[in-house]
Amino acid sequence: MFALFSRYGLWTRWRVEQQYRQVRRSYEELVRRADSLAQRLRQLRSDSTELERLAREHYGMARPGEKLYRVPEEP
C-alpha cells in the first residue's frame, strides 16, 4: 500500500507524469505558434503589399488624399 499511495508512490508518479505530458504538449503548441507568428512577421516585413492590405482592412488606413468609404456588414 505504501508503494502505491505514499508521497513517492506509483500513484503520485503517474499523476506527475500526466502533468508533465500536459505541460509538454502545451509547450510544443506554444513553440509551433511562436514559429508561425515569426514566419508571418517575416512575411509582412518583406511584402509591403500584404502589409498595406492588412492596414487598410483591419485598421481603416488610407493613403494621403484617398477617401475611405466604409460599407456596413449585414448582420
Protein backbone atom coordinates (compact mmCIF):
# COMPACT_ATOMS: atom_id res chain seq x y z
CA MET A 1 0.00 0.00 0.00
CA PHE A 2 2.86 2.35 0.83
CA ALA A 3 4.41 1.84 -2.62
CA LEU A 4 1.15 2.87 -4.28
CA PHE A 5 -0.12 5.86 -2.33
CA SER A 6 2.83 7.32 -0.44
CA ARG A 7 4.32 10.68 -1.28
CA TYR A 8 6.72 8.98 -3.70
CA GLY A 9 4.46 6.09 -4.66
CA LEU A 10 3.28 4.89 -8.03
CA TRP A 11 0.08 6.92 -7.95
CA THR A 12 2.00 10.15 -7.35
CA ARG A 13 4.47 9.27 -10.07
CA TRP A 14 1.64 8.58 -12.51
CA ARG A 15 0.00 11.96 -11.72
CA VAL A 16 3.29 13.81 -12.12
CA GLU A 17 3.91 12.10 -15.45
CA GLN A 18 0.43 13.07 -16.62
CA GLN A 19 1.05 16.68 -15.63
CA TYR A 20 4.43 16.60 -17.38
CA ARG A 21 2.84 15.32 -20.60
CA GLN A 22 0.20 18.03 -20.46
CA VAL A 23 2.77 20.77 -19.88
CA ARG A 24 4.94 19.34 -22.65
CA ARG A 25 2.01 19.39 -25.12
CA SER A 26 1.22 22.98 -24.16
CA TYR A 27 4.86 23.95 -24.59
CA GLU A 28 5.08 22.31 -28.01
CA GLU A 29 1.89 24.07 -29.13
CA LEU A 30 3.30 27.41 -27.96
CA VAL A 31 6.54 26.77 -29.84
CA ARG A 32 4.57 26.00 -33.01
CA ARG A 33 2.51 29.16 -32.54
CA ALA A 34 5.64 31.27 -31.97
CA ASP A 35 7.22 29.83 -35.12
CA SER A 36 4.07 30.58 -37.08
CA LEU A 37 3.97 34.15 -35.81
CA ALA A 38 7.66 34.65 -36.56
CA GLN A 39 7.10 33.40 -40.11
CA ARG A 40 4.12 35.76 -40.52
CA LEU A 41 6.22 38.66 -39.24
CA ARG A 42 8.99 37.89 -41.74
CA GLN A 43 6.37 37.73 -44.49
CA LEU A 44 4.89 41.10 -43.56
CA ARG A 45 8.32 42.72 -43.32
CA SER A 46 9.22 41.53 -46.81
CA ASP A 47 5.85 42.05 -48.55
CA SER A 48 4.71 45.67 -48.41
CA THR A 49 1.59 44.90 -50.46
CA GLU A 50 0.33 42.45 -47.84
CA LEU A 51 1.17 44.88 -45.06
CA GLU A 52 -0.76 47.64 -46.82
CA ARG A 53 -3.76 45.33 -47.32
CA LEU A 54 -3.85 44.49 -43.62
CA ALA A 55 -3.54 48.16 -42.65
CA ARG A 56 -6.44 49.05 -44.91
CA GLU A 57 -8.73 46.16 -43.94
CA HIS A 58 -8.12 45.93 -40.22
CA TYR A 59 -7.25 49.49 -39.26
CA GLY A 60 -9.14 51.55 -41.83
CA MET A 61 -5.99 53.28 -43.02
CA ALA A 62 -5.77 55.10 -46.33
CA ARG A 63 -3.08 56.85 -48.32
CA PRO A 64 -2.93 60.64 -48.16
CA GLY A 65 -5.56 62.09 -50.46
CA GLU A 66 -7.66 58.92 -50.63
CA LYS A 67 -11.22 58.87 -49.39
CA LEU A 68 -12.28 55.97 -47.28
CA TYR A 69 -15.80 54.60 -47.59
CA ARG A 70 -16.99 52.06 -45.07
CA VAL A 71 -19.78 49.74 -46.08
CA PRO A 72 -21.50 48.22 -43.05
CA GLU A 73 -21.65 44.46 -42.95
CA GLU A 74 -25.04 42.85 -42.94
CA PRO A 75 -25.96 41.12 -39.67
